[in-house]
């Protein structure tokens, strides 16, 4: 996964945790605007989330942040 996407995921996870608490969940769509303006980046995130890690649709933001930081 490209570094810019990793940083975006970490930033979004941190924002969600700060605003909603440690147990907040999210999907990979949380890292993108409602508009599909970068389909290649969206597919990169979806591939990481679904194919590589076989994650559920919603996962804890803290878990995702930790996974991205350790990769």
PDB file of N, CA and C in Angstrom:
ATOM      1  N   UNK A   1       0.852  -1.170   0.000  1.00  0.00           N
ATOM      2  CA  UNK A   1       0.000   0.000   0.000  1.00  0.00           C
ATOM      3  C   UNK A   1       0.899   1.234   0.000  1.00  0.00           C
ATOM      4  N   UNK A   2       0.523   2.188  -0.802  1.00  0.00           N
ATOM      5  CA  UNK A   2       1.345   3.406  -0.897  1.00  0.00           C
ATOM      6  C   UNK A   2       1.311   4.199   0.409  1.00  0.00           C
ATOM      7  N   UNK A   3       2.394   4.898   0.664  1.00  0.00           N
ATOM      8  CA  UNK A   3       2.554   5.644   1.917  1.00  0.00           C
ATOM      9  C   UNK A   3       1.473   6.698   2.131  1.00  0.00           C
ATOM     10  N   UNK A   4       1.048   7.359   1.068  1.00  0.00           N
ATOM     11  CA  UNK A   4       0.022   8.402   1.214  1.00  0.00           C
ATOM     12  C   UNK A   4      -1.304   7.809   1.693  1.00  0.00           C
ATOM     13  N   UNK A   5      -1.640   6.598   1.239  1.00  0.00           N
ATOM     14  CA  UNK A   5      -2.861   5.939   1.684  1.00  0.00           C
ATOM     15  C   UNK A   5      -2.718   5.488   3.132  1.00  0.00           C
ATOM     16  N   UNK A   6      -1.554   4.956   3.482  1.00  0.00           N
ATOM     17  CA  UNK A   6      -1.315   4.565   4.874  1.00  0.00           C
ATOM     18  C   UNK A   6      -1.521   5.752   5.809  1.00  0.00           C
ATOM     19  N   UNK A   7      -0.949   6.899   5.455  1.00  0.00           N
ATOM     20  CA  UNK A   7      -1.061   8.075   6.305  1.00  0.00           C
ATOM     21  C   UNK A   7      -2.508   8.557   6.390  1.00  0.00           C
ATOM     22  N   UNK A   8      -3.221   8.499   5.280  1.00  0.00           N
ATOM     23  CA  UNK A   8      -4.626   8.898   5.267  1.00  0.00           C
ATOM     24  C   UNK A   8      -5.451   8.001   6.194  1.00  0.00           C
ATOM     25  N   UNK A   9      -5.205   6.705   6.144  1.00  0.00           N
ATOM     26  CA  UNK A   9      -5.920   5.750   7.000  1.00  0.00           C
ATOM     27  C   UNK A   9      -5.631   6.044   8.469  1.00  0.00           C
ATOM     28  N   UNK A  10      -4.367   6.246   8.803  1.00  0.00           N
ATOM     29  CA  UNK A  10      -3.987   6.545  10.184  1.00  0.00           C
ATOM     30  C   UNK A  10      -4.657   7.830  10.656  1.00  0.00           C
ATOM     31  N   UNK A  11      -4.633   8.871   9.833  1.00  0.00           N
ATOM     32  CA  UNK A  11      -5.249  10.154  10.193  1.00  0.00           C
ATOM     33  C   UNK A  11      -6.748  10.013  10.436  1.00  0.00           C
ATOM     34  N   UNK A  12      -7.444   9.315   9.537  1.00  0.00           N
ATOM     35  CA  UNK A  12      -8.894   9.136   9.678  1.00  0.00           C
ATOM     36  C   UNK A  12      -9.201   8.322  10.937  1.00  0.00           C
ATOM     37  N   UNK A  13      -8.438   7.266  11.163  1.00  0.00           N
ATOM     38  CA  UNK A  13      -8.653   6.450  12.363  1.00  0.00           C
ATOM     39  C   UNK A  13      -8.472   7.291  13.624  1.00  0.00           C
ATOM     40  N   UNK A  14      -7.423   8.100  13.664  1.00  0.00           N
ATOM     41  CA  UNK A  14      -7.182   8.953  14.829  1.00  0.00           C
ATOM     42  C   UNK A  14      -8.330   9.942  15.044  1.00  0.00           C
ATOM     43  N   UNK A  15      -8.817  10.535  13.954  1.00  0.00           N
ATOM     44  CA  UNK A  15      -9.938  11.480  14.055  1.00  0.00           C
ATOM     45  C   UNK A  15     -11.188  10.795  14.586  1.00  0.00           C
ATOM     46  N   UNK A  16     -11.483   9.609  14.056  1.00  0.00           N
ATOM     47  CA  UNK A  16     -12.675   8.873  14.501  1.00  0.00           C
ATOM     48  C   UNK A  16     -12.564   8.476  15.974  1.00  0.00           C
ATOM     49  N   UNK A  17     -11.396   8.019  16.385  1.00  0.00           N
ATOM     50  CA  UNK A  17     -11.180   7.618  17.778  1.00  0.00           C
ATOM     51  C   UNK A  17     -11.325   8.822  18.697  1.00  0.00           C
ATOM     52  N   UNK A  18     -10.758   9.960  18.311  1.00  0.00           N
ATOM     53  CA  UNK A  18     -10.866  11.174  19.128  1.00  0.00           C
ATOM     54  C   UNK A  18     -12.309  11.644  19.261  1.00  0.00           C
ATOM     55  N   UNK A  19     -13.070  11.564  18.191  1.00  0.00           N
ATOM     56  CA  UNK A  19     -14.433  12.093  18.233  1.00  0.00           C
ATOM     57  C   UNK A  19     -15.456  11.116  18.795  1.00  0.00           C
ATOM     58  N   UNK A  20     -15.224   9.798  18.631  1.00  0.00           N
ATOM     59  CA  UNK A  20     -16.254   8.832  19.022  1.00  0.00           C
ATOM     60  C   UNK A  20     -15.789   7.783  20.028  1.00  0.00           C
ATOM     61  N   UNK A  21     -14.516   7.804  20.388  1.00  0.00           N
ATOM     62  CA  UNK A  21     -14.019   6.874  21.390  1.00  0.00           C
ATOM     63  C   UNK A  21     -13.293   5.668  20.812  1.00  0.00           C
ATOM     64  N   UNK A  22     -12.677   4.897  21.705  1.00  0.00           N
ATOM     65  CA  UNK A  22     -11.816   3.778  21.325  1.00  0.00           C
ATOM     66  C   UNK A  22     -12.542   2.626  20.641  1.00  0.00           C
ATOM     67  N   UNK A  23     -13.839   2.538  20.803  1.00  0.00           N
ATOM     68  CA  UNK A  23     -14.564   1.394  20.240  1.00  0.00           C
ATOM     69  C   UNK A  23     -15.234   1.697  18.897  1.00  0.00           C
ATOM     70  N   UNK A  24     -14.980   2.862  18.336  1.00  0.00           N
ATOM     71  CA  UNK A  24     -15.613   3.247  17.073  1.00  0.00           C
ATOM     72  C   UNK A  24     -15.174   2.312  15.949  1.00  0.00           C
ATOM     73  N   UNK A  25     -16.134   1.953  15.106  1.00  0.00           N
ATOM     74  CA  UNK A  25     -15.853   1.117  13.949  1.00  0.00           C
ATOM     75  C   UNK A  25     -15.948   1.928  12.671  1.00  0.00           C
ATOM     76  N   UNK A  26     -15.343   1.407  11.616  1.00  0.00           N
ATOM     77  CA  UNK A  26     -15.421   2.063  10.319  1.00  0.00           C
ATOM     78  C   UNK A  26     -15.197   1.040   9.217  1.00  0.00           C
ATOM     79  N   UNK A  27     -15.519   1.442   8.003  1.00  0.00           N
ATOM     80  CA  UNK A  27     -15.245   0.611   6.836  1.00  0.00           C
ATOM     81  C   UNK A  27     -14.194   1.326   5.999  1.00  0.00           C
ATOM     82  N   UNK A  28     -13.688   0.665   4.982  1.00  0.00           N
ATOM     83  CA  UNK A  28     -12.657   1.317   4.165  1.00  0.00           C
ATOM     84  C   UNK A  28     -13.214   2.507   3.386  1.00  0.00           C
ATOM     85  N   UNK A  29     -14.514   2.594   3.267  1.00  0.00           N
ATOM     86  CA  UNK A  29     -15.116   3.760   2.609  1.00  0.00           C
ATOM     87  C   UNK A  29     -14.904   5.037   3.414  1.00  0.00           C
ATOM     88  N   UNK A  30     -14.608   4.925   4.699  1.00  0.00           N
ATOM     89  CA  UNK A  30     -14.396   6.100   5.550  1.00  0.00           C
ATOM     90  C   UNK A  30     -13.192   6.919   5.105  1.00  0.00           C
ATOM     91  N   UNK A  31     -12.318   6.342   4.302  1.00  0.00           N
ATOM     92  CA  UNK A  31     -11.104   7.025   3.881  1.00  0.00           C
ATOM     93  C   UNK A  31     -11.287   7.806   2.586  1.00  0.00           C
ATOM     94  N   UNK A  32     -12.522   7.844   2.076  1.00  0.00           N
ATOM     95  CA  UNK A  32     -12.793   8.475   0.793  1.00  0.00           C
ATOM     96  C   UNK A  32     -14.018   9.375   0.867  1.00  0.00           C
ATOM     97  N   UNK A  33     -14.058  10.354  -0.017  1.00  0.00           N
ATOM     98  CA  UNK A  33     -15.231  11.216  -0.141  1.00  0.00           C
ATOM     99  C   UNK A  33     -16.375  10.395  -0.733  1.00  0.00           C
ATOM    100  N   UNK A  34     -17.578  10.893  -0.620  1.00  0.00           N
ATOM    101  CA  UNK A  34     -18.739  10.194  -1.183  1.00  0.00           C
ATOM    102  C   UNK A  34     -18.655  10.082  -2.692  1.00  0.00           C
ATOM    103  N   UNK A  35     -17.805  10.881  -3.282  1.00  0.00           N
ATOM    104  CA  UNK A  35     -17.607  10.879  -4.716  1.00  0.00           C
ATOM    105  C   UNK A  35     -16.441   9.949  -5.050  1.00  0.00           C
ATOM    106  N   UNK A  36     -16.600   9.109  -6.014  1.00  0.00           N
ATOM    107  CA  UNK A  36     -15.531   8.196  -6.422  1.00  0.00           C
ATOM    108  C   UNK A  36     -14.577   8.923  -7.361  1.00  0.00           C
ATOM    109  N   UNK A  37     -13.751   9.817  -6.787  1.00  0.00           N
ATOM    110  CA  UNK A  37     -12.858  10.629  -7.608  1.00  0.00           C
ATOM    111  C   UNK A  37     -11.475  10.007  -7.802  1.00  0.00           C
ATOM    112  N   UNK A  38     -11.196   8.890  -7.137  1.00  0.00           N
ATOM    113  CA  UNK A  38      -9.920   8.202  -7.311  1.00  0.00           C
ATOM    114  C   UNK A  38     -10.136   6.688  -7.219  1.00  0.00           C
ATOM    115  N   UNK A  39     -10.700   6.088  -8.281  1.00  0.00           N
ATOM    116  CA  UNK A  39     -11.036   4.668  -8.235  1.00  0.00           C
ATOM    117  C   UNK A  39      -9.828   3.759  -8.002  1.00  0.00           C
ATOM    118  N   UNK A  40      -8.667   4.147  -8.498  1.00  0.00           N
ATOM    119  CA  UNK A  40      -7.467   3.330  -8.304  1.00  0.00           C
ATOM    120  C   UNK A  40      -7.097   3.249  -6.815  1.00  0.00           C
ATOM    121  N   UNK A  41      -7.156   4.366  -6.125  1.00  0.00           N
ATOM    122  CA  UNK A  41      -6.842   4.392  -4.696  1.00  0.00           C
ATOM    123  C   UNK A  41      -7.902   3.639  -3.890  1.00  0.00           C
ATOM    124  N   UNK A  42      -9.161   3.794  -4.275  1.00  0.00           N
ATOM    125  CA  UNK A  42     -10.243   3.065  -3.623  1.00  0.00           C
ATOM    126  C   UNK A  42     -10.042   1.553  -3.762  1.00  0.00           C
ATOM    127  N   UNK A  43      -9.667   1.097  -4.947  1.00  0.00           N
ATOM    128  CA  UNK A  43      -9.433  -0.329  -5.170  1.00  0.00           C
ATOM    129  C   UNK A  43      -8.213  -0.821  -4.392  1.00  0.00           C
ATOM    130  N   UNK A  44      -7.216   0.031  -4.238  1.00  0.00           N
ATOM    131  CA  UNK A  44      -6.044  -0.336  -3.445  1.00  0.00           C
ATOM    132  C   UNK A  44      -6.445  -0.571  -1.989  1.00  0.00           C
ATOM    133  N   UNK A  45      -7.268   0.329  -1.448  1.00  0.00           N
ATOM    134  CA  UNK A  45      -7.748   0.166  -0.071  1.00  0.00           C
ATOM    135  C   UNK A  45      -8.649  -1.063   0.052  1.00  0.00           C
ATOM    136  N   UNK A  46      -9.527  -1.256  -0.912  1.00  0.00           N
ATOM    137  CA  UNK A  46     -10.439  -2.410  -0.880  1.00  0.00           C
ATOM    138  C   UNK A  46      -9.662  -3.726  -0.970  1.00  0.00           C
ATOM    139  N   UNK A  47      -8.650  -3.767  -1.797  1.00  0.00           N
ATOM    140  CA  UNK A  47      -7.832  -4.970  -1.937  1.00  0.00           C
ATOM    141  C   UNK A  47      -7.126  -5.291  -0.623  1.00  0.00           C
ATOM    142  N   UNK A  48      -6.547  -4.274   0.003  1.00  0.00           N
ATOM    143  CA  UNK A  48      -5.875  -4.465   1.288  1.00  0.00           C
ATOM    144  C   UNK A  48      -6.859  -4.972   2.334  1.00  0.00           C
ATOM    145  N   UNK A  49      -8.031  -4.336   2.394  1.00  0.00           N
ATOM    146  CA  UNK A  49      -9.047  -4.636   3.409  1.00  0.00           C
ATOM    147  C   UNK A  49      -9.682  -6.009   3.195  1.00  0.00           C
ATOM    148  N   UNK A  50     -10.119  -6.275   1.964  1.00  0.00           N
ATOM    149  CA  UNK A  50     -10.917  -7.468   1.679  1.00  0.00           C
ATOM    150  C   UNK A  50     -10.058  -8.665   1.275  1.00  0.00           C
ATOM    151  N   UNK A  51      -9.205  -8.489   0.286  1.00  0.00           N
ATOM    152  CA  UNK A  51      -8.432  -9.622  -0.233  1.00  0.00           C
ATOM    153  C   UNK A  51      -7.265 -10.008   0.661  1.00  0.00           C
ATOM    154  N   UNK A  52      -6.470  -9.020   1.057  1.00  0.00           N
ATOM    155  CA  UNK A  52      -5.265  -9.344   1.819  1.00  0.00           C
ATOM    156  C   UNK A  52      -5.556  -9.736   3.262  1.00  0.00           C
ATOM    157  N   UNK A  53      -6.512  -9.042   3.896  1.00  0.00           N
ATOM    158  CA  UNK A  53      -6.732  -9.260   5.324  1.00  0.00           C
ATOM    159  C   UNK A  53      -8.088  -9.881   5.662  1.00  0.00           C
ATOM    160  N   UNK A  54      -8.960 -10.024   4.670  1.00  0.00           N
ATOM    161  CA  UNK A  54     -10.280 -10.631   4.844  1.00  0.00           C
ATOM    162  C   UNK A  54     -11.018 -10.057   6.056  1.00  0.00           C
ATOM    163  N   UNK A  55     -11.021  -8.733   6.144  1.00  0.00           N
ATOM    164  CA  UNK A  55     -11.681  -8.042   7.248  1.00  0.00           C
ATOM    165  C   UNK A  55     -13.177  -7.955   7.006  1.00  0.00           C
ATOM    166  N   UNK A  56     -13.934  -7.827   8.084  1.00  0.00           N
ATOM    167  CA  UNK A  56     -15.371  -7.599   7.988  1.00  0.00           C
ATOM    168  C   UNK A  56     -15.622  -6.205   7.420  1.00  0.00           C
ATOM    169  N   UNK A  57     -16.879  -5.957   7.048  1.00  0.00           N
ATOM    170  CA  UNK A  57     -17.220  -4.646   6.481  1.00  0.00           C
ATOM    171  C   UNK A  57     -16.872  -3.529   7.464  1.00  0.00           C
ATOM    172  N   UNK A  58     -17.216  -3.705   8.746  1.00  0.00           N
ATOM    173  CA  UNK A  58     -16.862  -2.725   9.773  1.00  0.00           C
ATOM    174  C   UNK A  58     -15.852  -3.344  10.723  1.00  0.00           C
ATOM    175  N   UNK A  59     -14.814  -2.573  11.029  1.00  0.00           N
ATOM    176  CA  UNK A  59     -13.770  -2.987  11.970  1.00  0.00           C
ATOM    177  C   UNK A  59     -13.479  -1.814  12.899  1.00  0.00           C
ATOM    178  N   UNK A  60     -12.899  -2.115  14.037  1.00  0.00           N
ATOM    179  CA  UNK A  60     -12.535  -1.066  14.993  1.00  0.00           C
ATOM    180  C   UNK A  60     -11.426  -0.210  14.395  1.00  0.00           C
ATOM    181  N   UNK A  61     -11.576   1.108  14.522  1.00  0.00           N
ATOM    182  CA  UNK A  61     -10.579   2.042  13.994  1.00  0.00           C
ATOM    183  C   UNK A  61      -9.214   1.796  14.628  1.00  0.00           C
ATOM    184  N   UNK A  62      -9.193   1.487  15.924  1.00  0.00           N
ATOM    185  CA  UNK A  62      -7.925   1.239  16.614  1.00  0.00           C
ATOM    186  C   UNK A  62      -7.204   0.027  16.013  1.00  0.00           C
ATOM    187  N   UNK A  63      -7.948  -1.000  15.648  1.00  0.00           N
ATOM    188  CA  UNK A  63      -7.370  -2.205  15.042  1.00  0.00           C
ATOM    189  C   UNK A  63      -6.767  -1.881  13.682  1.00  0.00           C
ATOM    190  N   UNK A  64      -7.508  -1.136  12.875  1.00  0.00           N
ATOM    191  CA  UNK A  64      -7.026  -0.782  11.536  1.00  0.00           C
ATOM    192  C   UNK A  64      -5.781   0.091  11.646  1.00  0.00           C
ATOM    193  N   UNK A  65      -5.808   1.066  12.526  1.00  0.00           N
ATOM    194  CA  UNK A  65      -4.644   1.951  12.708  1.00  0.00           C
ATOM    195  C   UNK A  65      -3.415   1.121  13.075  1.00  0.00           C
ATOM    196  N   UNK A  66      -3.567   0.192  14.005  1.00  0.00           N
ATOM    197  CA  UNK A  66      -2.447  -0.631  14.454  1.00  0.00           C
ATOM    198  C   UNK A  66      -1.941  -1.506  13.303  1.00  0.00           C
ATOM    199  N   UNK A  67      -2.834  -2.076  12.511  1.00  0.00           N
ATOM    200  CA  UNK A  67      -2.435  -2.919  11.390  1.00  0.00           C
ATOM    201  C   UNK A  67      -1.631  -2.125  10.364  1.00  0.00           C
ATOM    202  N   UNK A  68      -2.090  -0.915  10.055  1.00  0.00           N
ATOM    203  CA  UNK A  68      -1.408  -0.094   9.061  1.00  0.00           C
ATOM    204  C   UNK A  68      -0.043   0.356   9.595  1.00  0.00           C
ATOM    205  N   UNK A  69       0.018   0.732  10.851  1.00  0.00           N
ATOM    206  CA  UNK A  69       1.286   1.181  11.418  1.00  0.00           C
ATOM    207  C   UNK A  69       2.313   0.061  11.476  1.00  0.00           C
ATOM    208  N   UNK A  70       1.869  -1.174  11.628  1.00  0.00           N
ATOM    209  CA  UNK A  70       2.810  -2.279  11.741  1.00  0.00           C
ATOM    210  C   UNK A  70       3.196  -2.879  10.389  1.00  0.00           C
ATOM    211  N   UNK A  71       2.600  -2.384   9.323  1.00  0.00           N
ATOM    212  CA  UNK A  71       2.924  -2.956   7.993  1.00  0.00           C
ATOM    213  C   UNK A  71       4.023  -2.181   7.311  1.00  0.00           C
TER     214      UNK A  71
END
